[in-house]
Amino acid sequence: MSSVKIEVFLSTSNNANDVCLARLLEEIKSEFGDDVEISTHNEQNELFSAYGLAATPAVVIDEMIKITGFCPSKETLVAAFKESGLE
């Protein structure tokens, strides 16, 4: 199985939701290892605009916007990964 591609967009202000999501993603990466490919963007960029995102934090999994504007629970994030094929 190929890895699940995850694009994460965080603000540069380090607000509570962004910090929460960054910590959660570290936990996810240590748990799932090479099964997840996480790219973190710490500012709004062309990709942020291309997805039509309006708020951070935002999580895009395999080019589908899954979460925007809040830090999800670990269970919610793992469920989103599994919807995208992570076993």
Protein backbone atom coordinates (compact mmCIF):
# COMPACT_ATOMS: atom_id res chain seq x y z
CA MET A 1 0.00 0.00 0.00
CA SER A 2 1.25 3.50 -0.77
CA SER A 3 1.33 6.16 1.90
CA VAL A 4 -1.51 8.58 2.54
CA LYS A 5 -0.53 12.12 1.49
CA ILE A 6 -1.45 14.75 4.07
CA GLU A 7 -1.12 18.50 3.51
CA VAL A 8 -1.36 20.55 6.71
CA PHE A 9 -1.78 24.31 6.75
CA LEU A 10 -0.97 26.23 9.94
CA SER A 11 -0.92 29.95 10.64
CA THR A 12 2.27 31.75 11.54
CA SER A 13 0.74 33.03 14.80
CA ASN A 14 0.90 29.66 16.62
CA ASN A 15 -2.65 29.88 17.94
CA ALA A 16 -3.97 27.11 20.19
CA ASN A 17 -5.60 25.12 17.37
CA ASP A 18 -2.43 25.16 15.29
CA VAL A 19 -0.25 24.09 18.22
CA CYS A 20 -2.74 21.32 19.10
CA LEU A 21 -2.77 20.00 15.52
CA ALA A 22 1.03 20.13 15.20
CA ARG A 23 1.40 18.03 18.37
CA LEU A 24 -1.28 15.62 17.23
CA LEU A 25 0.44 15.14 13.87
CA GLU A 26 3.74 14.34 15.61
CA GLU A 27 1.89 11.62 17.52
CA ILE A 28 0.24 10.34 14.32
CA LYS A 29 3.59 10.27 12.47
CA SER A 30 5.24 8.27 15.24
CA GLU A 31 2.32 5.84 15.29
CA PHE A 32 1.84 5.34 11.52
CA GLY A 33 5.41 5.98 10.32
CA ASP A 34 5.89 5.66 6.58
CA ASP A 35 2.19 4.98 6.00
CA VAL A 36 1.61 8.74 6.18
CA GLU A 37 3.41 11.46 4.22
CA ILE A 38 2.86 14.75 6.04
CA SER A 39 3.72 18.11 4.46
CA THR A 40 3.30 21.12 6.73
CA HIS A 41 2.86 24.66 5.43
CA ASN A 42 3.27 27.44 7.99
CA GLU A 43 1.86 30.22 5.88
CA GLN A 44 -0.79 30.78 3.28
CA ASN A 45 0.64 29.92 -0.12
CA GLU A 46 -0.48 29.07 -3.65
CA LEU A 47 -1.59 25.60 -2.55
CA PHE A 48 -3.70 27.11 0.26
CA SER A 49 -5.42 29.29 -2.35
CA ALA A 50 -5.73 26.44 -4.87
CA TYR A 51 -7.70 24.39 -2.35
CA GLY A 52 -9.89 27.42 -1.64
CA LEU A 53 -9.09 27.32 2.07
CA ALA A 54 -10.16 30.26 4.23
CA ALA A 55 -8.98 29.24 7.70
CA THR A 56 -6.22 27.44 9.52
CA PRO A 57 -5.53 24.92 10.72
CA ALA A 58 -6.53 22.88 7.72
CA VAL A 59 -5.92 19.25 6.81
CA VAL A 60 -6.09 18.03 3.22
CA ILE A 61 -5.80 14.28 2.70
CA ASP A 62 -5.13 12.96 -0.80
CA GLU A 63 -6.28 16.31 -2.23
CA MET A 64 -9.59 16.29 -0.33
CA ILE A 65 -10.24 18.94 2.32
CA LYS A 66 -11.06 17.03 5.50
CA ILE A 67 -10.68 19.52 8.37
CA THR A 68 -10.55 23.30 8.52
CA GLY A 69 -10.67 25.87 11.27
CA PHE A 70 -10.17 23.65 14.34
CA CYS A 71 -7.99 20.97 15.87
CA PRO A 72 -9.77 17.62 15.64
CA SER A 73 -9.52 14.80 18.12
CA LYS A 74 -7.03 12.05 17.36
CA GLU A 75 -9.95 9.70 16.66
CA THR A 76 -11.43 12.11 14.10
CA LEU A 77 -8.09 12.53 12.36
CA VAL A 78 -7.42 8.77 12.24
CA ALA A 79 -10.96 8.20 10.88
CA ALA A 80 -10.24 10.71 8.10
CA PHE A 81 -7.02 8.84 7.27
CA LYS A 82 -8.84 5.53 7.14
CA GLU A 83 -11.45 7.00 4.78
CA SER A 84 -8.52 7.75 2.49
CA GLY A 85 -7.19 4.18 2.58
CA LEU A 86 -4.91 4.04 5.62
CA GLU A 87 -5.16 0.67 7.32
